[in-house]
Protein backbone atom coordinates (compact mmCIF):
# COMPACT_ATOMS: atom_id res chain seq x y z
CA MET A 1 0.00 0.00 0.00
CA ARG A 2 1.32 3.41 -0.97
CA PHE A 3 1.29 6.32 1.46
CA ASN A 4 1.07 9.99 0.67
CA LEU A 5 4.42 11.61 1.55
CA HIS A 6 2.72 14.63 3.06
CA PHE A 7 0.65 12.35 5.27
CA ASN A 8 3.81 10.58 6.52
CA ILE A 9 5.35 13.94 7.44
CA PHE A 10 2.13 14.99 9.16
CA VAL A 11 1.98 11.78 11.28
CA ALA A 12 5.64 12.10 12.23
CA PHE A 13 5.08 15.71 13.26
CA ILE A 14 2.15 14.74 15.50
CA LEU A 15 4.02 11.85 17.11
CA LEU A 16 7.07 14.05 17.71
CA GLY A 17 4.92 16.78 19.21
CA MET A 18 3.12 14.38 21.52
CA THR A 19 6.29 12.66 22.71
CA THR A 20 8.00 15.94 23.56
CA LEU A 21 5.25 17.20 25.85
CA SER A 22 6.68 17.89 29.28
CA GLY A 23 4.98 17.12 32.55
CA CYS A 24 5.83 13.51 33.39
CA THR A 25 6.12 12.93 37.11
CA THR A 26 6.86 9.99 39.35
CA ASN A 27 3.63 8.44 40.58
CA PRO A 28 3.82 8.52 44.40
CA ALA A 29 1.81 5.30 44.74
CA THR A 30 3.50 3.16 42.09
CA GLY A 31 6.92 4.75 41.57
CA GLU A 32 6.28 4.79 37.83
CA GLN A 33 6.30 7.74 35.45
CA SER A 34 2.91 9.28 34.69
CA PHE A 35 1.79 12.32 32.70
CA THR A 36 0.24 15.00 34.94
CA GLY A 37 1.52 18.10 33.14
CA PHE A 38 -1.82 19.91 33.04
CA MET A 39 -2.75 19.54 36.73
CA SER A 40 -0.34 20.24 39.58
CA VAL A 41 -0.76 19.09 43.17
CA GLU A 42 -1.85 22.64 44.02
CA ASP A 43 -4.45 22.45 41.25
CA GLU A 44 -5.78 19.22 42.75
CA GLN A 45 -6.25 20.88 46.12
CA ARG A 46 -8.04 23.84 44.54
CA VAL A 47 -10.32 21.70 42.38
CA GLY A 48 -11.29 19.49 45.31
CA ALA A 49 -12.11 22.47 47.51
CA GLU A 50 -14.17 24.10 44.76
CA GLU A 51 -16.13 20.98 43.83
CA HIS A 52 -16.79 19.65 47.34
CA PRO A 53 -19.76 21.96 48.10
CA LYS A 54 -21.27 21.09 44.72
CA ILE A 55 -21.02 17.37 45.49
CA LEU A 56 -22.78 17.81 48.82
CA LYS A 57 -25.56 19.80 47.15
CA ALA A 58 -25.97 17.31 44.30
CA PHE A 59 -26.30 14.35 46.66
CA GLY A 60 -28.52 15.95 49.26
CA GLY A 61 -25.77 16.59 51.79
CA THR A 62 -24.25 14.21 54.30
CA TYR A 63 -26.28 11.61 56.14
CA SER A 64 -27.52 12.97 59.49
CA ASP A 65 -25.82 10.40 61.73
CA ALA A 66 -22.81 11.92 63.48
CA GLU A 67 -21.67 8.57 64.89
CA LEU A 68 -21.68 6.92 61.47
CA GLN A 69 -19.81 9.88 59.98
CA ALA A 70 -17.18 9.63 62.74
CA TYR A 71 -16.91 5.86 62.23
CA VAL A 72 -16.28 6.18 58.49
CA GLU A 73 -13.84 9.04 59.11
CA ALA A 74 -11.86 6.86 61.56
CA ILE A 75 -11.66 3.98 59.07
CA GLY A 76 -10.60 6.39 56.33
CA GLN A 77 -7.87 8.04 58.38
CA LYS A 78 -6.55 4.63 59.44
CA LEU A 79 -6.21 3.63 55.80
CA ALA A 80 -4.87 7.00 54.65
CA GLU A 81 -2.00 6.68 57.11
CA GLN A 82 -0.92 3.57 55.19
CA SER A 83 -0.79 5.37 51.85
CA GLU A 84 2.25 6.80 50.10
CA ILE A 85 1.05 10.34 50.86
CA PRO A 86 0.41 10.30 54.64
CA ASN A 87 0.82 14.09 54.81
CA GLN A 88 -2.14 14.62 52.47
CA ARG A 89 -5.19 15.83 54.36
CA PHE A 90 -8.03 13.37 53.69
CA GLN A 91 -11.68 14.01 54.51
CA PHE A 92 -14.38 11.33 54.43
CA PHE A 93 -18.12 11.81 54.03
CA VAL A 94 -21.23 9.61 54.08
CA LEU A 95 -23.67 11.01 51.53
CA ASP A 96 -27.42 10.80 52.15
CA ASP A 97 -27.92 8.80 48.96
CA ASP A 98 -29.53 5.35 48.84
CA THR A 99 -27.74 4.30 45.62
CA VAL A 100 -24.55 2.23 45.89
CA ASN A 101 -21.83 4.77 45.16
CA ALA A 102 -18.31 5.80 46.16
CA PHE A 103 -15.88 8.24 44.59
CA ALA A 104 -13.09 10.68 45.38
CA LEU A 105 -12.17 14.20 44.37
CA PRO A 106 -8.57 15.33 43.97
CA GLY A 107 -7.27 16.92 47.11
CA GLY A 108 -8.35 14.11 49.44
CA TYR A 109 -12.16 14.32 49.45
CA VAL A 110 -13.60 10.79 49.68
CA TYR A 111 -17.32 9.99 49.57
CA VAL A 112 -19.33 6.83 50.24
CA SER A 113 -23.11 6.72 49.94
CA ARG A 114 -25.49 5.53 52.61
CA GLY A 115 -26.58 2.87 50.13
CA LEU A 116 -23.05 1.54 49.79
CA VAL A 117 -22.50 1.41 53.54
CA THR A 118 -25.65 -0.67 54.01
CA LEU A 119 -24.64 -3.05 51.19
CA ALA A 120 -21.39 -3.91 52.96
CA GLU A 121 -21.43 -6.75 55.48
CA ASP A 122 -18.51 -5.81 57.71
CA GLU A 123 -15.93 -3.13 58.38
CA ALA A 124 -13.32 -4.80 56.19
CA GLU A 125 -15.58 -4.59 53.11
CA LEU A 126 -16.22 -0.91 53.74
CA ALA A 127 -12.48 -0.40 54.30
CA GLY A 128 -11.77 -2.02 50.94
CA VAL A 129 -13.98 0.49 49.14
CA ILE A 130 -12.52 3.44 51.04
CA GLY A 131 -8.99 2.15 50.39
CA HIS A 132 -9.79 1.97 46.69
CA GLU A 133 -10.82 5.65 46.68
CA ILE A 134 -7.70 6.64 48.62
CA GLY A 135 -5.75 4.80 45.92
CA HIS A 136 -7.25 7.06 43.25
CA VAL A 137 -6.07 10.12 45.15
CA ALA A 138 -2.63 8.74 46.01
CA ALA A 139 -1.97 7.71 42.40
CA ARG A 140 -3.16 11.13 41.18
CA HIS A 141 -5.58 9.54 38.75
CA SER A 142 -7.62 12.72 38.34
CA ALA A 143 -4.50 14.64 37.33
CA GLN A 144 -3.51 11.88 34.90
CA ARG A 145 -6.93 11.72 33.31
CA TYR A 146 -7.30 15.48 33.00
CA SER A 147 -3.81 15.86 31.54
CA SER A 148 -4.39 13.05 29.07
CA GLN A 149 -7.65 14.61 27.93
CA MET A 150 -5.99 17.98 27.46
CA ALA A 151 -3.15 16.43 25.48
CA THR A 152 -5.64 14.53 23.34
CA GLN A 153 -7.59 17.70 22.57
CA ILE A 154 -4.37 19.41 21.53
CA GLY A 155 -3.44 16.45 19.35
CA VAL A 156 -6.84 16.20 17.67
CA THR A 157 -6.86 19.94 17.01
CA ALA A 158 -3.40 19.66 15.47
CA VAL A 159 -4.60 16.79 13.28
CA SER A 160 -7.46 18.89 11.97
CA ILE A 161 -5.31 21.98 11.25
CA ILE A 162 -2.15 20.36 9.94
CA GLY A 163 -4.10 17.73 8.04
CA ALA A 164 -5.92 20.44 6.17
CA VAL A 165 -2.63 22.15 5.29
CA LEU A 166 -0.70 19.02 4.28
CA GLY A 167 -3.57 17.23 2.59
CA ALA A 168 -4.20 14.40 5.04
CA PRO A 169 -6.90 11.94 3.92
CA SER A 170 -10.45 12.94 4.82
CA GLY A 171 -11.73 11.41 8.04
CA VAL A 172 -8.31 11.09 9.68
CA SER A 173 -9.23 13.51 12.46
CA ASN A 174 -12.28 11.41 13.24
CA ILE A 175 -10.17 8.25 13.40
CA VAL A 176 -7.62 9.85 15.68
CA SER A 177 -10.39 11.26 17.86
CA LEU A 178 -12.06 7.88 18.24
CA GLY A 179 -8.74 6.18 18.92
CA ALA A 180 -7.87 8.81 21.49
CA GLN A 181 -11.22 8.33 23.21
CA ALA A 182 -10.73 4.57 23.27
CA ALA A 183 -7.25 5.02 24.73
CA LEU A 184 -8.63 7.29 27.44
CA GLN A 185 -11.38 4.85 28.31
CA SER A 186 -8.88 2.01 28.43
CA TYR A 187 -6.63 4.16 30.60
CA SER A 188 -9.54 4.67 32.98
CA ARG A 189 -10.05 0.91 33.18
CA SER A 190 -6.43 0.46 34.17
CA GLN A 191 -6.80 3.19 36.78
CA GLU A 192 -9.69 1.32 38.38
CA LEU A 193 -7.68 -1.89 38.58
CA GLU A 194 -4.71 0.04 39.95
CA ALA A 195 -6.91 1.60 42.63
CA ASP A 196 -8.09 -1.90 43.56
CA ARG A 197 -4.48 -3.00 43.97
CA LEU A 198 -3.67 0.03 46.11
CA GLY A 199 -6.82 -0.43 48.19
CA ILE A 200 -5.79 -4.00 49.04
CA ARG A 201 -2.30 -2.76 49.89
CA TYR A 202 -3.67 -0.25 52.39
CA MET A 203 -6.12 -2.80 53.83
CA SER A 204 -3.28 -5.23 54.42
CA ARG A 205 -1.11 -2.62 56.13
CA ALA A 206 -4.07 -1.64 58.35
CA GLY A 207 -4.66 -5.26 59.34
CA TYR A 208 -7.92 -5.90 57.46
CA ASN A 209 -8.80 -9.20 55.84
CA THR A 210 -7.95 -8.57 52.21
CA ASP A 211 -10.56 -11.03 50.92
CA ALA A 212 -13.16 -8.40 51.84
CA LEU A 213 -12.77 -6.27 48.72
CA GLY A 214 -13.45 -9.21 46.42
CA ASP A 215 -16.41 -10.20 48.62
CA PHE A 216 -17.85 -6.71 48.27
CA PHE A 217 -17.39 -6.77 44.49
CA ALA A 218 -19.36 -10.04 44.41
CA LYS A 219 -22.21 -8.34 46.32
CA LEU A 220 -22.03 -5.40 43.93
CA ASP A 221 -22.19 -7.76 40.96
CA ALA A 222 -25.28 -9.47 42.39
CA GLN A 223 -26.91 -6.14 43.26
CA THR A 224 -26.40 -4.87 39.71
CA THR A 225 -27.99 -8.01 38.28
CA ILE A 226 -30.97 -7.76 40.64
CA ALA A 227 -31.47 -4.04 39.88
CA ALA A 228 -31.48 -4.75 36.13
CA ALA A 229 -33.98 -7.59 36.61
CA MET A 230 -36.28 -5.38 38.70
CA GLU A 231 -36.32 -2.84 35.87
CA GLY A 232 -37.02 -5.56 33.32
CA LYS A 233 -33.75 -4.95 31.51
CA ALA A 234 -31.07 -7.32 30.33
CA ARG A 235 -27.74 -6.73 31.96
CA ALA A 236 -25.55 -4.61 29.68
CA ASN A 237 -22.53 -6.24 28.09
CA ASP A 238 -19.14 -4.63 28.46
CA SER A 239 -17.76 -2.91 25.37
CA ILE A 240 -14.53 -1.28 24.27
CA MET A 241 -15.91 2.07 25.39
CA SER A 242 -16.81 0.87 28.89
CA THR A 243 -15.37 3.18 31.54
CA HIS A 244 -14.89 0.49 34.18
CA PRO A 245 -13.42 -3.01 34.18
CA ARG A 246 -15.94 -5.83 34.30
CA THR A 247 -16.85 -6.68 37.88
CA THR A 248 -15.81 -10.30 37.27
CA ASP A 249 -12.31 -9.14 36.29
CA ARG A 250 -12.06 -7.08 39.45
CA ILE A 251 -13.26 -9.95 41.61
CA GLN A 252 -10.60 -12.26 40.13
CA GLN A 253 -7.84 -9.68 40.58
CA ALA A 254 -8.94 -8.92 44.14
CA LYS A 255 -8.89 -12.62 45.05
CA SER A 256 -5.44 -13.06 43.57
CA LEU A 257 -4.00 -10.01 45.32
CA ALA A 258 -5.72 -10.82 48.61
CA ALA A 259 -3.99 -14.18 48.87
CA ASP A 260 -0.57 -12.55 48.63
CA ALA A 261 -1.35 -9.59 50.93
CA MET A 262 -3.22 -11.25 53.80
CA PRO A 263 -1.97 -9.86 57.16
CA ALA A 264 -0.97 -12.18 59.98
CA LYS A 265 -4.14 -11.54 62.00
CA PRO A 266 -6.74 -10.41 59.48
CA VAL A 267 -9.72 -8.44 60.80
CA ARG A 268 -13.28 -8.38 59.40
CA ALA A 269 -14.94 -6.58 62.37
CA ARG A 270 -18.50 -7.60 61.52
CA GLY A 271 -19.90 -7.12 65.02
CA PRO A 272 -18.76 -3.51 65.52
CA PHE A 273 -19.82 -2.68 61.97
CA LEU A 274 -23.38 -3.98 62.40
CA THR A 275 -23.66 -2.27 65.78
CA ARG A 276 -22.70 1.04 64.18
CA LEU A 277 -25.15 0.41 61.34
CA ASP A 278 -28.08 -0.18 63.68
CA GLY A 279 -30.77 2.35 62.84
CA VAL A 280 -29.17 3.55 59.59
CA MET A 281 -31.82 4.01 56.93
CA PHE A 282 -31.88 1.41 54.18
CA GLY A 283 -33.22 2.43 50.77
CA PRO A 284 -34.80 5.74 49.77
CA ASP A 285 -35.65 8.24 52.49
CA PRO A 286 -39.43 7.97 53.04
CA LYS A 287 -39.58 11.72 53.58
CA GLU A 288 -38.74 12.06 49.89
CA GLY A 289 -41.45 9.65 48.83
CA PHE A 290 -41.64 5.87 48.51
CA MET A 291 -43.64 3.08 46.96
CA LYS A 292 -45.97 0.88 49.04
CA GLY A 293 -47.33 -1.70 46.67
CA ASP A 294 -48.56 0.27 43.66
CA THR A 295 -49.05 3.45 45.71
CA PHE A 296 -46.55 6.32 45.74
CA ILE A 297 -46.58 8.14 49.09
CA HIS A 298 -44.84 11.41 49.90
CA PRO A 299 -45.27 12.00 53.66
CA ASP A 300 -43.24 15.21 53.77
CA ILE A 301 -45.40 17.07 51.24
CA GLY A 302 -48.42 14.98 52.17
CA PHE A 303 -49.95 13.27 49.13
CA SER A 304 -50.33 9.86 47.49
CA PHE A 305 -51.53 8.33 44.23
CA ASP A 306 -51.63 4.90 42.63
CA PHE A 307 -49.74 3.61 39.62
CA PRO A 308 -51.39 0.94 37.47
CA PRO A 309 -50.20 -2.59 38.39
CA GLY A 310 -46.93 -3.70 36.84
CA PHE A 311 -45.27 -0.28 36.56
CA THR A 312 -41.59 0.24 37.32
CA VAL A 313 -41.22 3.50 39.26
CA LYS A 314 -38.23 5.80 39.79
CA ASN A 315 -38.35 8.67 42.28
CA GLY A 316 -36.17 11.54 41.06
CA ASP A 317 -35.26 14.89 42.58
CA THR A 318 -38.04 16.81 40.82
CA GLU A 319 -40.35 14.18 39.36
CA VAL A 320 -41.65 10.65 39.76
CA PHE A 321 -41.41 8.52 36.62
CA GLY A 322 -43.22 5.25 35.95
CA GLN A 323 -43.38 2.96 32.93
CA ASP A 324 -44.85 -0.42 32.10
CA GLY A 325 -42.44 -1.33 29.27
CA LYS A 326 -45.39 -1.62 26.87
CA GLY A 327 -45.60 1.93 25.62
CA THR A 328 -47.09 3.76 28.60
CA GLU A 329 -45.30 6.27 30.83
CA ILE A 330 -46.43 8.46 33.71
CA ILE A 331 -44.54 11.58 34.81
CA PHE A 332 -45.58 13.29 38.04
CA SER A 333 -44.22 16.64 39.24
CA MET A 334 -45.15 19.87 41.01
CA ALA A 335 -45.35 23.37 39.60
CA ASN A 336 -43.03 26.04 40.92
CA ALA A 337 -44.82 27.60 43.90
CA ASP A 338 -44.16 31.18 42.80
CA VAL A 339 -45.44 30.46 39.30
CA ALA A 340 -48.48 28.59 40.63
CA SER A 341 -49.45 31.50 42.87
CA GLY A 342 -49.38 33.85 39.89
CA TYR A 343 -52.17 32.01 38.05
CA ALA A 344 -55.62 31.91 39.62
CA SER A 345 -56.90 30.00 36.59
CA LEU A 346 -55.61 26.44 35.98
CA THR A 347 -56.58 26.79 32.33
CA GLU A 348 -54.36 29.84 31.94
CA TYR A 349 -51.55 28.03 33.79
CA MET A 350 -51.76 25.04 31.44
CA ARG A 351 -51.87 27.20 28.31
CA GLY A 352 -49.13 29.49 29.58
CA PRO A 353 -46.16 28.43 31.72
CA TRP A 354 -46.75 24.66 31.59
CA ALA A 355 -47.17 24.68 27.79
CA LYS A 356 -43.95 26.68 27.50
CA GLU A 357 -42.13 24.34 29.87
CA SER A 358 -43.33 21.11 28.22
CA GLY A 359 -43.23 22.29 24.63
CA PHE A 360 -46.81 21.12 24.04
CA GLN A 361 -50.01 23.14 23.83
CA PRO A 362 -52.80 20.86 25.16
CA ASP A 363 -56.17 20.82 23.42
CA ASN A 364 -59.62 19.68 24.53
CA LEU A 365 -59.26 21.24 27.99
CA GLU A 366 -61.70 19.77 30.49
CA ARG A 367 -62.46 20.81 34.06
CA LEU A 368 -62.48 17.99 36.62
CA ASP A 369 -63.01 17.44 40.33
CA ILE A 370 -60.33 15.20 41.84
CA ASN A 371 -61.40 14.25 45.36
CA GLY A 372 -62.67 17.76 46.01
CA TYR A 373 -59.82 19.60 44.29
CA GLU A 374 -60.01 21.68 41.13
CA ALA A 375 -58.32 20.06 38.13
CA VAL A 376 -57.95 20.61 34.39
CA SER A 377 -57.06 17.99 31.79
CA GLY A 378 -55.91 18.41 28.18
CA THR A 379 -54.60 16.23 25.35
CA SER A 380 -51.94 16.42 22.67
CA ARG A 381 -49.82 14.20 20.44
CA GLY A 382 -46.09 14.40 19.82
CA GLU A 383 -42.81 12.61 19.25
CA ALA A 384 -41.12 11.03 22.28
CA LYS A 385 -37.96 8.98 22.69
CA PHE A 386 -39.56 5.78 21.42
CA GLY A 387 -41.86 7.23 18.78
CA THR A 388 -45.24 8.92 18.50
CA ARG A 389 -47.16 9.22 21.76
CA ASP A 390 -50.59 10.38 22.82
CA LEU A 391 -50.24 12.79 25.74
CA ARG A 392 -52.69 13.79 28.42
CA PHE A 393 -51.82 16.65 30.77
CA LEU A 394 -53.49 16.91 34.17
CA ALA A 395 -53.08 19.79 36.65
CA ILE A 396 -54.56 19.57 40.16
CA ARG A 397 -54.65 22.63 42.43
CA THR A 398 -54.79 21.98 46.18
CA SER A 399 -53.92 25.50 47.34
CA ARG A 400 -52.90 28.87 45.93
CA THR A 401 -49.25 27.79 45.73
CA GLN A 402 -49.65 24.05 45.07
CA ILE A 403 -50.32 22.60 41.63
CA PHE A 404 -49.66 18.89 41.16
CA ARG A 405 -49.08 17.70 37.60
CA PHE A 406 -49.40 14.43 35.68
CA VAL A 407 -48.33 13.72 32.12
CA PHE A 408 -49.61 10.42 30.72
CA LEU A 409 -47.86 9.19 27.57
CA THR A 410 -49.23 6.21 25.65
CA ASP A 411 -48.41 4.48 22.40
CA PRO A 412 -51.42 5.23 20.15
CA ASN A 413 -51.91 1.46 19.82
CA VAL A 414 -52.54 1.12 23.59
CA THR A 415 -54.17 4.47 24.39
CA SER A 416 -57.68 3.03 24.39
CA ALA A 417 -56.71 0.00 26.48
CA MET A 418 -54.93 2.19 29.04
CA SER A 419 -57.81 4.64 29.38
CA VAL A 420 -59.36 2.98 32.46
CA PRO A 421 -56.05 2.23 34.32
CA LEU A 422 -54.86 5.82 33.84
CA ARG A 423 -58.26 7.18 34.85
CA LYS A 424 -57.91 5.21 38.10
CA THR A 425 -54.48 6.79 38.64
CA THR A 426 -56.00 10.23 38.02
CA TYR A 427 -58.72 9.84 40.65
CA SER A 428 -56.45 8.07 43.14
CA PHE A 429 -54.60 11.32 43.90
CA LYS A 430 -55.28 12.60 47.42
CA LEU A 431 -53.74 14.65 50.19
CA LEU A 432 -52.72 12.79 53.33
CA ASN A 433 -54.10 13.62 56.75
CA PRO A 434 -51.84 13.71 59.85
CA ALA A 435 -52.89 10.20 60.86
CA ASP A 436 -51.78 8.80 57.49
CA ILE A 437 -48.44 10.58 57.72
CA GLY A 438 -47.87 9.28 61.24
CA GLN A 439 -47.99 5.69 59.95
CA VAL A 440 -44.94 6.15 57.70
CA ARG A 441 -41.95 4.15 58.89
CA PRO A 442 -38.54 3.94 57.18
CA ARG A 443 -36.93 0.62 56.35
CA LEU A 444 -33.75 0.12 58.36
CA SER A 445 -30.48 -1.59 57.54
CA ALA A 446 -31.11 -4.14 60.31
CA SER A 447 -32.66 -6.27 57.57
CA LEU A 448 -29.12 -6.98 56.31
CA THR A 449 -28.28 -9.02 59.39
């Protein structure tokens, strides 16, 4: 195969430019050279401090259990002392989030969710996760990733400019861009495995049973499978663009490393862990709304309504979303209180701010009485993610500042069949009285024992 001479020169220029970039440093955790030229240690501290308040806001703040926070902090500090950067100030936080999650910001900010803590079975498993996050910080993975991305952007830009000047074949910039993205994703996979190795190292030095990290990964693997099954979805296959190693790979690596790093007197500390977990909320906070059978209940605001049987429901920050997997979706939300108070007429509200917000102008407006509350319903048709949908908008006013909203989306082929089930949902809406609210009880993590 013949190559264009100009293209050869262009490739050589790019390779030379990329290999002469400065900024390689010795990785404090591995002793190897790594490229961190676009983010200094000082930058890491600044970024962490700037992003920390945003993280707390995004995840609803820290969990309101001072003893649990202190317990996680103590485990974290014990592990951080075993790292290659013991002078780094680490801070550890339990987020009030029921999903299974853990991550770290540069600068020593480490977060574990309430959901992750309750998935663990003993202190050693929790220590494995925290050690993994400390590993990310110690190995300066954020600095590596950011610097690699910056270098890639520079390289891709150079490909586009120089290629145009030297006559590089069309599409080369796209190929380089895709290859660069794949390299970055692969690099991230290696970072995750490296953080696992470092986490086991710190666990071993702190005296924890190193089998615990692999045990936790097995629980995480099972939890992921169960969650997918509950949503009626097949478990996703890993691909070249996956940002994390397959859980099975991590389990195998963790088992292999654990055997070589087991301390003389390994600790699991299940008893103290479960004692500390006693009373910690398991699952979504009922104050933010929860499902009881087919009924969604929000005790804090004080309302409930029923989904049709067989719906999968997700409770988000600003809306409740349900779907049956057969072409029907229900979206429930509340109007902004200030906007609601500015419209005495529900009809005007639907034709004005809600139409502007939704992008649809409902027709066939109809006044309704929903359990003694004024309501207005309207219909429309439009394109949704999975094709054409019939839409019905429903606004229910319970006070001057409170307007509750439903949007019912149905495949035109099932609209008629879903008419009665969705009508039942419409008229199931009600406000809760104090006695109803008093019966709400959170599920606790004691069920894990």
